[in-house]
Amino acid sequence: MSYELDTQQARKADQRGAFINDTGKYVGKIIRAEEIIANSGTKGIDFSFKTDGGQQARFALYTEKGDGSRISIGHAFVMALMTCLKVRSISPSQMRVKKWDTAAGAEVDASAPCFADLMNKDIGVLLEAEEYAKNNGETGKRMVLAGVFQAGTELTASEVLDKKTAPEQLPKMVSMLRDRPLKAARPPARSSAPQPRSGGASFDDMDDDIPF
């Protein structure tokens, strides 16, 4: 058979299976949002994100300590995701998803408790590349969530809640993105992180103002 050059398909060959390694703005879908509980009792959600071009990244958000107290930044990001996806509540259920298996050294199909309402919907994320010390003494790199926005409108969570129609915050948040080197890692609290709109009010307190 004969072939005609398809440049778009040629580009996809470079991206297939590639991992996101660069700080930046990305649009895609969450393909796994798995409930996790650490040995300490800390709870959270482990995410696998895939761009429209096929690149992938994994990141985790921890939302509650073992004693039941809230971890503010992780919880705020989950609330931002729910807002941008226009989801009022989420609960985990067993699903078949692809996840990394250390023993196999590859992704495998497995059953895991996942939040289906966060998955397979268009979403925009801001990711920062963070260096970390591996157990063997080497320096590794992982991606850290630094912002969330609606893929179609580029509105942030606060703008969705305020019923804005034109995005204003995202360019500012993008300009603040930075790599996080091992020896100069910034503290976890960030001025660009999604925060409750007033006086520490919880997401539930704003129920009457939610525009969806």
N, C-alpha and C. Protein backbone atom coordinates (compact mmCIF):
# COMPACT_ATOMS: atom_id res chain seq x y z
N MET A 1 0.84 -1.20 0.00
CA MET A 1 0.00 0.00 0.00
C MET A 1 0.87 1.25 0.00
N SER A 2 0.30 2.37 -0.38
CA SER A 2 1.04 3.63 -0.40
C SER A 2 0.54 4.52 0.74
N TYR A 3 1.33 5.53 1.08
CA TYR A 3 1.00 6.44 2.19
C TYR A 3 1.18 7.87 1.74
N GLU A 4 0.30 8.72 2.22
CA GLU A 4 0.43 10.16 2.03
C GLU A 4 0.76 10.79 3.38
N LEU A 5 1.68 11.71 3.38
CA LEU A 5 2.12 12.32 4.64
C LEU A 5 0.97 13.04 5.33
N ASP A 6 0.75 12.70 6.60
CA ASP A 6 -0.20 13.37 7.48
C ASP A 6 0.61 13.99 8.61
N THR A 7 0.84 15.28 8.56
CA THR A 7 1.73 15.93 9.53
C THR A 7 1.18 15.90 10.94
N GLN A 8 -0.15 15.92 11.07
CA GLN A 8 -0.73 15.88 12.41
C GLN A 8 -0.46 14.53 13.07
N GLN A 9 -0.56 13.46 12.29
CA GLN A 9 -0.26 12.14 12.82
C GLN A 9 1.23 12.02 13.15
N ALA A 10 2.05 12.67 12.38
CA ALA A 10 3.48 12.65 12.64
C ALA A 10 3.79 13.30 13.98
N ARG A 11 3.12 14.38 14.29
CA ARG A 11 3.32 15.06 15.57
C ARG A 11 2.87 14.17 16.74
N LYS A 12 1.80 13.43 16.54
CA LYS A 12 1.29 12.57 17.61
C LYS A 12 2.30 11.49 17.99
N ALA A 13 3.10 11.06 17.03
CA ALA A 13 4.09 10.02 17.32
C ALA A 13 5.11 10.51 18.35
N ASP A 14 5.40 11.81 18.34
CA ASP A 14 6.34 12.37 19.32
C ASP A 14 5.73 12.42 20.70
N GLN A 15 4.42 12.52 20.78
CA GLN A 15 3.76 12.78 22.05
C GLN A 15 3.20 11.51 22.70
N ARG A 16 3.04 10.46 21.94
CA ARG A 16 2.42 9.25 22.46
C ARG A 16 3.22 8.70 23.65
N GLY A 17 2.56 8.56 24.79
CA GLY A 17 3.22 8.00 25.96
C GLY A 17 4.15 8.97 26.67
N ALA A 18 4.26 10.20 26.16
CA ALA A 18 5.19 11.15 26.76
C ALA A 18 4.60 11.68 28.06
N PHE A 19 5.50 12.01 28.99
CA PHE A 19 5.06 12.57 30.25
C PHE A 19 5.32 14.08 30.26
N ILE A 20 4.44 14.81 30.95
CA ILE A 20 4.64 16.24 31.11
C ILE A 20 5.80 16.47 32.06
N ASN A 21 6.80 17.20 31.61
CA ASN A 21 7.97 17.50 32.44
C ASN A 21 8.21 18.99 32.61
N ASP A 22 7.43 19.80 31.90
CA ASP A 22 7.68 21.24 31.90
C ASP A 22 6.58 22.01 32.61
N THR A 23 6.98 22.99 33.39
CA THR A 23 6.03 23.90 34.03
C THR A 23 5.22 24.62 32.95
N GLY A 24 3.89 24.69 33.16
CA GLY A 24 3.08 25.38 32.16
C GLY A 24 1.59 25.16 32.30
N LYS A 25 0.88 25.60 31.29
CA LYS A 25 -0.58 25.55 31.21
C LYS A 25 -0.97 24.41 30.27
N TYR A 26 -1.89 23.56 30.72
CA TYR A 26 -2.28 22.40 29.92
C TYR A 26 -3.80 22.22 29.93
N VAL A 27 -4.32 21.69 28.84
CA VAL A 27 -5.75 21.37 28.72
C VAL A 27 -5.89 19.90 28.37
N GLY A 28 -6.78 19.21 29.04
CA GLY A 28 -6.99 17.80 28.77
C GLY A 28 -8.10 17.24 29.63
N LYS A 29 -7.92 16.00 30.10
CA LYS A 29 -8.91 15.34 30.93
C LYS A 29 -8.23 14.60 32.08
N ILE A 30 -8.91 14.53 33.21
CA ILE A 30 -8.47 13.67 34.31
C ILE A 30 -8.95 12.26 33.98
N ILE A 31 -8.02 11.33 33.81
CA ILE A 31 -8.41 9.97 33.43
C ILE A 31 -8.42 9.02 34.64
N ARG A 32 -7.92 9.51 35.77
CA ARG A 32 -8.00 8.74 37.02
C ARG A 32 -8.01 9.71 38.18
N ALA A 33 -9.02 9.60 39.04
CA ALA A 33 -9.10 10.42 40.26
C ALA A 33 -9.37 9.45 41.40
N GLU A 34 -8.31 8.88 41.93
CA GLU A 34 -8.41 7.75 42.87
C GLU A 34 -8.30 8.21 44.32
N GLU A 35 -9.23 7.76 45.13
CA GLU A 35 -9.17 8.04 46.57
C GLU A 35 -7.97 7.30 47.17
N ILE A 36 -7.16 8.02 47.96
CA ILE A 36 -5.99 7.40 48.58
C ILE A 36 -5.99 7.70 50.08
N ILE A 37 -5.45 6.76 50.84
CA ILE A 37 -5.29 6.93 52.29
C ILE A 37 -3.88 6.48 52.64
N ALA A 38 -3.08 7.39 53.18
CA ALA A 38 -1.71 7.09 53.55
C ALA A 38 -1.67 6.26 54.83
N ASN A 39 -0.51 5.68 55.13
CA ASN A 39 -0.35 4.90 56.36
C ASN A 39 -0.64 5.74 57.60
N SER A 40 -0.41 7.04 57.49
CA SER A 40 -0.65 7.95 58.61
C SER A 40 -2.13 8.25 58.81
N GLY A 41 -2.96 7.82 57.85
CA GLY A 41 -4.39 8.12 57.91
C GLY A 41 -4.76 9.33 57.08
N THR A 42 -3.76 10.04 56.54
CA THR A 42 -4.03 11.20 55.70
C THR A 42 -4.76 10.76 54.43
N LYS A 43 -5.82 11.51 54.08
CA LYS A 43 -6.64 11.16 52.92
C LYS A 43 -6.45 12.18 51.79
N GLY A 44 -6.71 11.71 50.59
CA GLY A 44 -6.60 12.61 49.45
C GLY A 44 -7.04 11.94 48.17
N ILE A 45 -6.65 12.55 47.05
CA ILE A 45 -7.00 12.05 45.72
C ILE A 45 -5.73 12.04 44.88
N ASP A 46 -5.48 10.92 44.23
CA ASP A 46 -4.34 10.78 43.33
C ASP A 46 -4.86 10.87 41.90
N PHE A 47 -4.29 11.77 41.11
CA PHE A 47 -4.81 12.06 39.77
C PHE A 47 -3.85 11.62 38.67
N SER A 48 -4.42 11.14 37.58
CA SER A 48 -3.70 10.99 36.32
C SER A 48 -4.38 11.93 35.33
N PHE A 49 -3.59 12.82 34.74
CA PHE A 49 -4.11 13.83 33.81
C PHE A 49 -3.50 13.58 32.44
N LYS A 50 -4.32 13.68 31.40
CA LYS A 50 -3.85 13.46 30.03
C LYS A 50 -4.25 14.62 29.15
N THR A 51 -3.29 15.22 28.47
CA THR A 51 -3.58 16.35 27.60
C THR A 51 -4.25 15.88 26.31
N ASP A 52 -4.79 16.82 25.57
CA ASP A 52 -5.40 16.49 24.29
C ASP A 52 -4.37 15.92 23.32
N GLY A 53 -3.08 16.25 23.54
CA GLY A 53 -2.03 15.73 22.68
C GLY A 53 -1.45 14.42 23.12
N GLY A 54 -1.93 13.88 24.25
CA GLY A 54 -1.49 12.57 24.70
C GLY A 54 -0.44 12.56 25.78
N GLN A 55 0.05 13.73 26.21
CA GLN A 55 1.01 13.76 27.30
C GLN A 55 0.30 13.54 28.63
N GLN A 56 0.99 12.94 29.58
CA GLN A 56 0.38 12.62 30.86
C GLN A 56 1.17 13.15 32.04
N ALA A 57 0.47 13.38 33.13
CA ALA A 57 1.10 13.78 34.39
C ALA A 57 0.29 13.18 35.53
N ARG A 58 0.98 12.92 36.63
CA ARG A 58 0.32 12.42 37.82
C ARG A 58 0.61 13.38 38.96
N PHE A 59 -0.41 13.68 39.76
CA PHE A 59 -0.21 14.53 40.93
C PHE A 59 -1.24 14.14 41.98
N ALA A 60 -0.96 14.47 43.22
CA ALA A 60 -1.85 14.11 44.33
C ALA A 60 -2.24 15.35 45.11
N LEU A 61 -3.45 15.34 45.64
CA LEU A 61 -3.93 16.39 46.53
C LEU A 61 -4.35 15.74 47.84
N TYR A 62 -3.74 16.17 48.94
CA TYR A 62 -4.11 15.65 50.25
C TYR A 62 -5.06 16.63 50.92
N THR A 63 -6.18 16.12 51.40
CA THR A 63 -7.27 16.98 51.86
C THR A 63 -7.59 16.88 53.34
N GLU A 64 -7.19 15.78 54.00
CA GLU A 64 -7.55 15.58 55.41
C GLU A 64 -6.48 14.78 56.13
N LYS A 65 -6.08 15.26 57.30
CA LYS A 65 -5.10 14.56 58.11
C LYS A 65 -5.75 13.37 58.82
N GLY A 66 -4.91 12.52 59.40
CA GLY A 66 -5.41 11.34 60.09
C GLY A 66 -6.31 11.67 61.26
N ASP A 67 -6.14 12.88 61.85
CA ASP A 67 -6.97 13.28 62.98
C ASP A 67 -8.28 13.93 62.55
N GLY A 68 -8.51 13.98 61.23
CA GLY A 68 -9.75 14.54 60.72
C GLY A 68 -9.70 16.01 60.38
N SER A 69 -8.60 16.68 60.69
CA SER A 69 -8.50 18.10 60.38
C SER A 69 -8.22 18.30 58.89
N ARG A 70 -8.72 19.40 58.35
CA ARG A 70 -8.64 19.67 56.92
C ARG A 70 -7.24 20.18 56.54
N ILE A 71 -6.77 19.74 55.39
CA ILE A 71 -5.55 20.29 54.80
C ILE A 71 -6.01 21.33 53.78
N SER A 72 -5.87 22.59 54.13
CA SER A 72 -6.53 23.68 53.41
C SER A 72 -6.21 23.73 51.92
N ILE A 73 -4.91 23.70 51.57
CA ILE A 73 -4.55 23.91 50.17
C ILE A 73 -5.06 22.78 49.29
N GLY A 74 -4.91 21.53 49.74
CA GLY A 74 -5.39 20.40 48.94
C GLY A 74 -6.90 20.41 48.81
N HIS A 75 -7.58 20.70 49.90
CA HIS A 75 -9.04 20.76 49.88
C HIS A 75 -9.52 21.87 48.95
N ALA A 76 -8.83 23.02 48.98
CA ALA A 76 -9.22 24.15 48.12
C ALA A 76 -9.10 23.79 46.65
N PHE A 77 -8.04 23.07 46.30
CA PHE A 77 -7.87 22.68 44.91
C PHE A 77 -8.95 21.69 44.46
N VAL A 78 -9.35 20.77 45.34
CA VAL A 78 -10.44 19.85 44.99
C VAL A 78 -11.73 20.63 44.78
N MET A 79 -11.99 21.62 45.65
CA MET A 79 -13.18 22.45 45.48
C MET A 79 -13.12 23.24 44.18
N ALA A 80 -11.91 23.69 43.80
CA ALA A 80 -11.75 24.42 42.54
C ALA A 80 -12.03 23.52 41.35
N LEU A 81 -11.55 22.29 41.41
CA LEU A 81 -11.83 21.33 40.34
C LEU A 81 -13.33 21.09 40.21
N MET A 82 -14.01 20.89 41.35
CA MET A 82 -15.44 20.66 41.32
C MET A 82 -16.18 21.86 40.74
N THR A 83 -15.74 23.05 41.09
CA THR A 83 -16.37 24.27 40.59
C THR A 83 -16.20 24.40 39.09
N CYS A 84 -14.97 24.22 38.60
CA CYS A 84 -14.70 24.36 37.17
C CYS A 84 -15.41 23.28 36.35
N LEU A 85 -15.65 22.12 36.96
CA LEU A 85 -16.37 21.05 36.28
C LEU A 85 -17.87 21.09 36.56
N LYS A 86 -18.29 22.05 37.38
CA LYS A 86 -19.70 22.24 37.75
C LYS A 86 -20.29 20.98 38.38
N VAL A 87 -19.58 20.49 39.39
CA VAL A 87 -20.00 19.31 40.14
C VAL A 87 -20.23 19.72 41.58
N ARG A 88 -21.40 19.42 42.14
CA ARG A 88 -21.72 19.85 43.50
C ARG A 88 -21.26 18.87 44.57
N SER A 89 -21.16 17.59 44.25
CA SER A 89 -20.72 16.61 45.24
C SER A 89 -20.06 15.44 44.51
N ILE A 90 -19.12 14.80 45.20
CA ILE A 90 -18.46 13.64 44.61
C ILE A 90 -18.32 12.54 45.67
N SER A 91 -18.42 11.31 45.25
CA SER A 91 -18.23 10.16 46.12
C SER A 91 -17.50 9.09 45.32
N PRO A 92 -16.61 8.33 45.97
CA PRO A 92 -15.86 7.32 45.24
C PRO A 92 -16.67 6.06 44.98
N SER A 93 -16.37 5.41 43.87
CA SER A 93 -16.95 4.10 43.55
C SER A 93 -15.87 3.29 42.83
N GLN A 94 -15.98 1.98 42.89
CA GLN A 94 -14.97 1.13 42.26
C GLN A 94 -15.06 1.24 40.74
N MET A 95 -13.91 1.46 40.12
CA MET A 95 -13.84 1.59 38.67
C MET A 95 -12.60 0.87 38.17
N ARG A 96 -12.62 0.49 36.89
CA ARG A 96 -11.45 -0.06 36.24
C ARG A 96 -10.69 1.10 35.60
N VAL A 97 -9.47 1.29 36.01
CA VAL A 97 -8.64 2.37 35.49
C VAL A 97 -7.23 1.86 35.25
N LYS A 98 -6.46 2.62 34.49
CA LYS A 98 -5.05 2.32 34.32
C LYS A 98 -4.26 3.03 35.42
N LYS A 99 -3.41 2.28 36.12
CA LYS A 99 -2.59 2.87 37.16
C LYS A 99 -1.24 2.19 37.19
N TRP A 100 -0.26 2.90 37.75
CA TRP A 100 1.11 2.40 37.76
C TRP A 100 1.25 1.26 38.75
N ASP A 101 1.86 0.18 38.30
CA ASP A 101 2.15 -0.96 39.15
C ASP A 101 3.67 -1.06 39.31
N THR A 102 4.15 -0.81 40.52
CA THR A 102 5.59 -0.80 40.76
C THR A 102 6.23 -2.14 40.47
N ALA A 103 5.58 -3.21 40.87
CA ALA A 103 6.14 -4.55 40.65
C ALA A 103 6.25 -4.87 39.17
N ALA A 104 5.23 -4.48 38.41
CA ALA A 104 5.23 -4.75 36.97
C ALA A 104 6.08 -3.76 36.20
N GLY A 105 6.31 -2.59 36.81
CA GLY A 105 7.08 -1.54 36.13
C GLY A 105 6.35 -0.97 34.94
N ALA A 106 5.01 -0.97 35.02
CA ALA A 106 4.20 -0.48 33.90
C ALA A 106 2.79 -0.16 34.39
N GLU A 107 2.02 0.53 33.53
CA GLU A 107 0.62 0.76 33.85
C GLU A 107 -0.17 -0.50 33.59
N VAL A 108 -1.10 -0.79 34.50
CA VAL A 108 -1.94 -1.98 34.35
C VAL A 108 -3.39 -1.59 34.59
N ASP A 109 -4.31 -2.39 34.08
CA ASP A 109 -5.73 -2.19 34.39
C ASP A 109 -6.00 -2.72 35.79
N ALA A 110 -6.63 -1.89 36.61
CA ALA A 110 -6.89 -2.31 37.99
C ALA A 110 -8.19 -1.68 38.47
N SER A 111 -8.76 -2.30 39.50
CA SER A 111 -9.96 -1.75 40.14
C SER A 111 -9.51 -0.83 41.27
N ALA A 112 -10.10 0.36 41.35
CA ALA A 112 -9.71 1.33 42.37
C ALA A 112 -10.90 2.22 42.69
N PRO A 113 -10.98 2.75 43.95
CA PRO A 113 -12.05 3.68 44.30
C PRO A 113 -11.77 5.04 43.68
N CYS A 114 -12.60 5.44 42.73
CA CYS A 114 -12.36 6.68 41.99
C CYS A 114 -13.59 7.60 42.02
N PHE A 115 -13.32 8.89 41.80
CA PHE A 115 -14.38 9.90 41.74
C PHE A 115 -14.72 10.13 40.27
N ALA A 116 -15.71 9.38 39.79
CA ALA A 116 -16.06 9.39 38.36
C ALA A 116 -16.47 10.77 37.87
N ASP A 117 -17.09 11.58 38.74
CA ASP A 117 -17.58 12.89 38.31
C ASP A 117 -16.47 13.88 38.00
N LEU A 118 -15.23 13.56 38.38
CA LEU A 118 -14.10 14.43 38.06
C LEU A 118 -13.36 13.95 36.80
N MET A 119 -13.77 12.82 36.28
CA MET A 119 -13.00 12.16 35.22
C MET A 119 -13.61 12.33 33.83
N ASN A 120 -12.71 12.32 32.84
CA ASN A 120 -13.09 12.29 31.42
C ASN A 120 -13.92 13.50 31.00
N LYS A 121 -13.62 14.64 31.60
CA LYS A 121 -14.25 15.90 31.23
C LYS A 121 -13.13 16.92 30.96
N ASP A 122 -13.37 17.81 30.00
CA ASP A 122 -12.36 18.81 29.66
C ASP A 122 -12.06 19.70 30.86
N ILE A 123 -10.79 19.89 31.15
CA ILE A 123 -10.36 20.73 32.27
C ILE A 123 -8.98 21.31 31.97
N GLY A 124 -8.72 22.48 32.49
CA GLY A 124 -7.41 23.10 32.33
C GLY A 124 -6.67 23.10 33.65
N VAL A 125 -5.37 22.85 33.61
CA VAL A 125 -4.56 22.84 34.83
C VAL A 125 -3.27 23.61 34.60
N LEU A 126 -2.75 24.16 35.68
CA LEU A 126 -1.42 24.76 35.69
C LEU A 126 -0.54 23.84 36.51
N LEU A 127 0.57 23.43 35.94
CA LEU A 127 1.47 22.50 36.61
C LEU A 127 2.86 23.10 36.75
N GLU A 128 3.49 22.85 37.90
CA GLU A 128 4.86 23.27 38.13
C GLU A 128 5.75 22.05 38.32
N ALA A 129 6.92 22.08 37.72
CA ALA A 129 7.88 20.98 37.86
C ALA A 129 8.66 21.18 39.17
N GLU A 130 8.62 20.19 40.03
CA GLU A 130 9.27 20.25 41.33
C GLU A 130 10.32 19.14 41.45
N GLU A 131 11.52 19.51 41.85
CA GLU A 131 12.56 18.52 42.11
C GLU A 131 12.39 17.96 43.51
N TYR A 132 12.74 16.69 43.67
CA TYR A 132 12.66 16.07 45.00
C TYR A 132 13.80 15.06 45.14
N ALA A 133 14.15 14.74 46.38
CA ALA A 133 15.23 13.81 46.65
C ALA A 133 14.70 12.39 46.67
N LYS A 134 15.24 11.53 45.83
CA LYS A 134 14.86 10.12 45.81
C LYS A 134 15.54 9.38 46.96
N ASN A 135 15.03 8.22 47.28
CA ASN A 135 15.61 7.41 48.36
C ASN A 135 17.04 6.99 48.07
N ASN A 136 17.38 6.89 46.78
CA ASN A 136 18.74 6.48 46.42
C ASN A 136 19.71 7.65 46.35
N GLY A 137 19.23 8.84 46.74
CA GLY A 137 20.09 10.01 46.75
C GLY A 137 20.05 10.84 45.47
N GLU A 138 19.42 10.32 44.43
CA GLU A 138 19.31 11.07 43.18
C GLU A 138 18.19 12.10 43.27
N THR A 139 18.20 13.04 42.35
CA THR A 139 17.15 14.06 42.30
C THR A 139 16.15 13.71 41.21
N GLY A 140 14.89 13.65 41.60
CA GLY A 140 13.83 13.37 40.64
C GLY A 140 13.00 14.60 40.36
N LYS A 141 12.07 14.46 39.44
CA LYS A 141 11.18 15.57 39.09
C LYS A 141 9.74 15.08 39.08
N ARG A 142 8.84 15.86 39.65
CA ARG A 142 7.42 15.53 39.64
C ARG A 142 6.63 16.80 39.35
N MET A 143 5.40 16.63 38.92
CA MET A 143 4.55 17.77 38.61
C MET A 143 3.62 18.05 39.79
N VAL A 144 3.46 19.34 40.08
CA VAL A 144 2.64 19.79 41.21
C VAL A 144 1.54 20.70 40.67
N LEU A 145 0.32 20.47 41.11
CA LEU A 145 -0.80 21.31 40.67
C LEU A 145 -0.67 22.71 41.25
N ALA A 146 -0.77 23.71 40.38
CA ALA A 146 -0.63 25.10 40.81
C ALA A 146 -1.84 25.95 40.43
N GLY A 147 -2.80 25.38 39.72
CA GLY A 147 -3.98 26.14 39.34
C GLY A 147 -4.94 25.30 38.51
N VAL A 148 -6.20 25.73 38.49
CA VAL A 148 -7.26 25.03 37.76
C VAL A 148 -8.12 26.05 37.04
N PHE A 149 -8.57 25.70 35.84
CA PHE A 149 -9.45 26.62 35.11
C PHE A 149 -10.33 25.82 34.16
N GLN A 150 -11.45 26.43 33.75
CA GLN A 150 -12.33 25.78 32.79
C GLN A 150 -11.65 25.75 31.43
N ALA A 151 -11.69 24.60 30.79
CA ALA A 151 -11.00 24.44 29.51
C ALA A 151 -11.61 25.33 28.43
N GLY A 152 -12.93 25.41 28.37
CA GLY A 152 -13.57 26.16 27.30
C GLY A 152 -13.55 27.66 27.47
N THR A 153 -13.74 28.13 28.73
CA THR A 153 -13.85 29.57 28.98
C THR A 153 -12.59 30.19 29.55
N GLU A 154 -11.70 29.37 30.10
CA GLU A 154 -10.50 29.80 30.82
C GLU A 154 -10.83 30.60 32.08
N LEU A 155 -12.06 30.43 32.59
CA LEU A 155 -12.43 31.05 33.86
C LEU A 155 -11.89 30.21 35.01
N THR A 156 -11.43 30.88 36.08
CA THR A 156 -10.99 30.18 37.28
C THR A 156 -12.21 29.92 38.17
N ALA A 157 -12.00 29.15 39.25
CA ALA A 157 -13.12 28.80 40.12
C ALA A 157 -13.81 30.03 40.70
N SER A 158 -13.02 31.00 41.17
CA SER A 158 -13.63 32.20 41.76
C SER A 158 -14.42 32.98 40.73
N GLU A 159 -13.95 32.98 39.47
CA GLU A 159 -14.68 33.69 38.42
C GLU A 159 -15.97 32.97 38.07
N VAL A 160 -15.96 31.64 38.09
CA VAL A 160 -17.19 30.88 37.85
C VAL A 160 -18.20 31.19 38.95
N LEU A 161 -17.74 31.19 40.20
CA LEU A 161 -18.64 31.47 41.33
C LEU A 161 -19.16 32.90 41.30
N ASP A 162 -18.34 33.82 40.80
CA ASP A 162 -18.75 35.23 40.70
C ASP A 162 -19.52 35.52 39.42
N LYS A 163 -19.78 34.49 38.62
CA LYS A 163 -20.54 34.60 37.38
C LYS A 163 -19.88 35.53 36.38
N LYS A 164 -18.55 35.53 36.36
CA LYS A 164 -17.82 36.33 35.38
C LYS A 164 -17.96 35.68 34.01
N THR A 165 -17.86 36.46 32.98
CA THR A 165 -17.95 35.94 31.62
C THR A 165 -16.64 36.07 30.86
N ALA A 166 -15.73 36.89 31.36
CA ALA A 166 -14.43 37.08 30.71
C ALA A 166 -13.33 36.70 31.70
N PRO A 167 -12.39 35.85 31.30
CA PRO A 167 -11.31 35.44 32.21
C PRO A 167 -10.31 36.57 32.43
N GLU A 168 -9.95 36.77 33.69
CA GLU A 168 -8.96 37.80 34.03
C GLU A 168 -7.81 37.23 34.87
N GLN A 169 -8.10 36.22 35.68
CA GLN A 169 -7.11 35.72 36.62
C GLN A 169 -6.06 34.81 35.98
N LEU A 170 -6.44 34.05 34.97
CA LEU A 170 -5.55 33.03 34.43
C LEU A 170 -4.21 33.58 33.92
N PRO A 171 -4.20 34.69 33.15
CA PRO A 171 -2.90 35.21 32.70
C PRO A 171 -1.98 35.57 33.87
N LYS A 172 -2.55 36.08 34.95
CA LYS A 172 -1.74 36.42 36.12
C LYS A 172 -1.17 35.15 36.76
N MET A 173 -2.00 34.11 36.84
CA MET A 173 -1.55 32.86 37.44
C MET A 173 -0.47 32.20 36.60
N VAL A 174 -0.62 32.28 35.27
CA VAL A 174 0.39 31.70 34.38
C VAL A 174 1.72 32.43 34.54
N SER A 175 1.66 33.76 34.69
CA SER A 175 2.89 34.54 34.84
C SER A 175 3.63 34.22 36.13
N MET A 176 2.93 33.66 37.11
CA MET A 176 3.55 33.33 38.40
C MET A 176 4.13 31.92 38.44
N LEU A 177 3.91 31.13 37.40
CA LEU A 177 4.41 29.77 37.39
C LEU A 177 5.95 29.75 37.40
N ARG A 178 6.52 28.88 38.21
CA ARG A 178 7.97 28.76 38.30
C ARG A 178 8.33 27.30 38.54
N ASP A 179 9.49 26.88 38.05
CA ASP A 179 10.03 25.59 38.43
C ASP A 179 10.38 25.63 39.91
N ARG A 180 10.32 24.48 40.56
CA ARG A 180 10.63 24.40 41.99
C ARG A 180 11.89 23.57 42.20
N PRO A 181 13.06 24.21 42.25
CA PRO A 181 14.31 23.46 42.44
C PRO A 181 14.39 22.87 43.84
N LEU A 182 15.16 21.82 43.98
CA LEU A 182 15.26 21.10 45.24
C LEU A 182 15.74 21.97 46.39
N LYS A 183 16.73 22.81 46.14
CA LYS A 183 17.34 23.60 47.22
C LYS A 183 16.63 24.91 47.47
N ALA A 184 15.65 25.20 46.65
CA ALA A 184 14.97 26.48 46.83
C ALA A 184 13.48 26.31 46.66
N ALA A 185 12.97 25.18 47.18
CA ALA A 185 11.53 24.91 47.06
C ALA A 185 10.74 25.94 47.82
N ARG A 186 9.68 26.41 47.20
CA ARG A 186 8.83 27.41 47.84
C ARG A 186 7.88 26.75 48.82
N PRO A 187 7.41 27.51 49.83
CA PRO A 187 6.43 26.94 50.76
C PRO A 187 5.15 26.59 50.02
N PRO A 188 4.37 25.63 50.54
CA PRO A 188 3.18 25.17 49.84
C PRO A 188 2.10 26.22 49.68
N ALA A 189 2.02 27.19 50.59
CA ALA A 189 0.98 28.22 50.48
C ALA A 189 1.32 29.16 49.35
N ARG A 190 0.37 29.42 48.45
CA ARG A 190 0.59 30.26 47.27
C ARG A 190 -0.55 31.26 47.14
N SER A 191 -0.20 32.48 46.80
CA SER A 191 -1.23 33.50 46.66
C SER A 191 -2.15 33.20 45.49
N SER A 192 -1.67 32.39 44.52
CA SER A 192 -2.50 32.08 43.35
C SER A 192 -3.40 30.88 43.58
N ALA A 193 -3.26 30.23 44.71
CA ALA A 193 -4.08 29.05 44.98
C ALA A 193 -5.53 29.46 45.21
N PRO A 194 -6.47 28.62 44.81
CA PRO A 194 -7.88 28.96 45.01
C PRO A 194 -8.22 29.04 46.49
N GLN A 195 -8.89 30.07 46.89
CA GLN A 195 -9.26 30.29 48.27
C GLN A 195 -10.75 30.58 48.38
N PRO A 196 -11.38 30.31 49.53
CA PRO A 196 -12.77 30.72 49.72
C PRO A 196 -12.91 32.22 49.50
N ARG A 197 -14.07 32.66 49.05
CA ARG A 197 -14.21 34.05 48.64
C ARG A 197 -14.29 35.02 49.81
N SER A 198 -14.66 34.57 50.98
CA SER A 198 -14.78 35.53 52.07
C SER A 198 -14.64 34.85 53.41
N GLY A 199 -13.88 35.49 54.29
CA GLY A 199 -13.84 35.13 55.70
C GLY A 199 -13.69 33.67 56.04
N GLY A 200 -13.04 32.86 55.18
CA GLY A 200 -12.85 31.46 55.50
C GLY A 200 -14.11 30.63 55.37
N ALA A 201 -15.11 31.15 54.68
CA ALA A 201 -16.37 30.41 54.52
C ALA A 201 -16.10 29.12 53.78
N SER A 202 -16.77 28.07 54.18
CA SER A 202 -16.57 26.79 53.51
C SER A 202 -17.38 26.75 52.22
N PHE A 203 -17.09 25.76 51.38
CA PHE A 203 -17.80 25.59 50.12
C PHE A 203 -19.29 25.40 50.38
N ASP A 204 -19.61 24.66 51.43
CA ASP A 204 -21.02 24.41 51.74
C ASP A 204 -21.75 25.70 52.12
N ASP A 205 -21.02 26.64 52.79
CA ASP A 205 -21.66 27.87 53.22
C ASP A 205 -22.11 28.72 52.04
N MET A 206 -21.50 28.51 50.86
CA MET A 206 -21.80 29.33 49.70
C MET A 206 -22.84 28.68 48.81
N ASP A 207 -23.53 27.65 49.29
CA ASP A 207 -24.41 26.85 48.46
C ASP A 207 -25.42 27.70 47.70
N ASP A 208 -25.99 28.71 48.34
CA ASP A 208 -27.02 29.52 47.69
C ASP A 208 -26.45 30.36 46.56
N ASP A 209 -25.13 30.57 46.56
CA ASP A 209 -24.51 31.41 45.54
C ASP A 209 -23.89 30.61 44.41
N ILE A 210 -23.96 29.29 44.47
CA ILE A 210 -23.34 28.48 43.42
C ILE A 210 -24.16 28.58 42.15
N PRO A 211 -23.56 29.04 41.05
CA PRO A 211 -24.33 29.29 39.82
C PRO A 211 -24.53 28.05 38.94
N PHE A 212 -24.55 26.87 39.53
CA PHE A 212 -24.80 25.65 38.76
C PHE A 212 -25.38 24.59 39.65
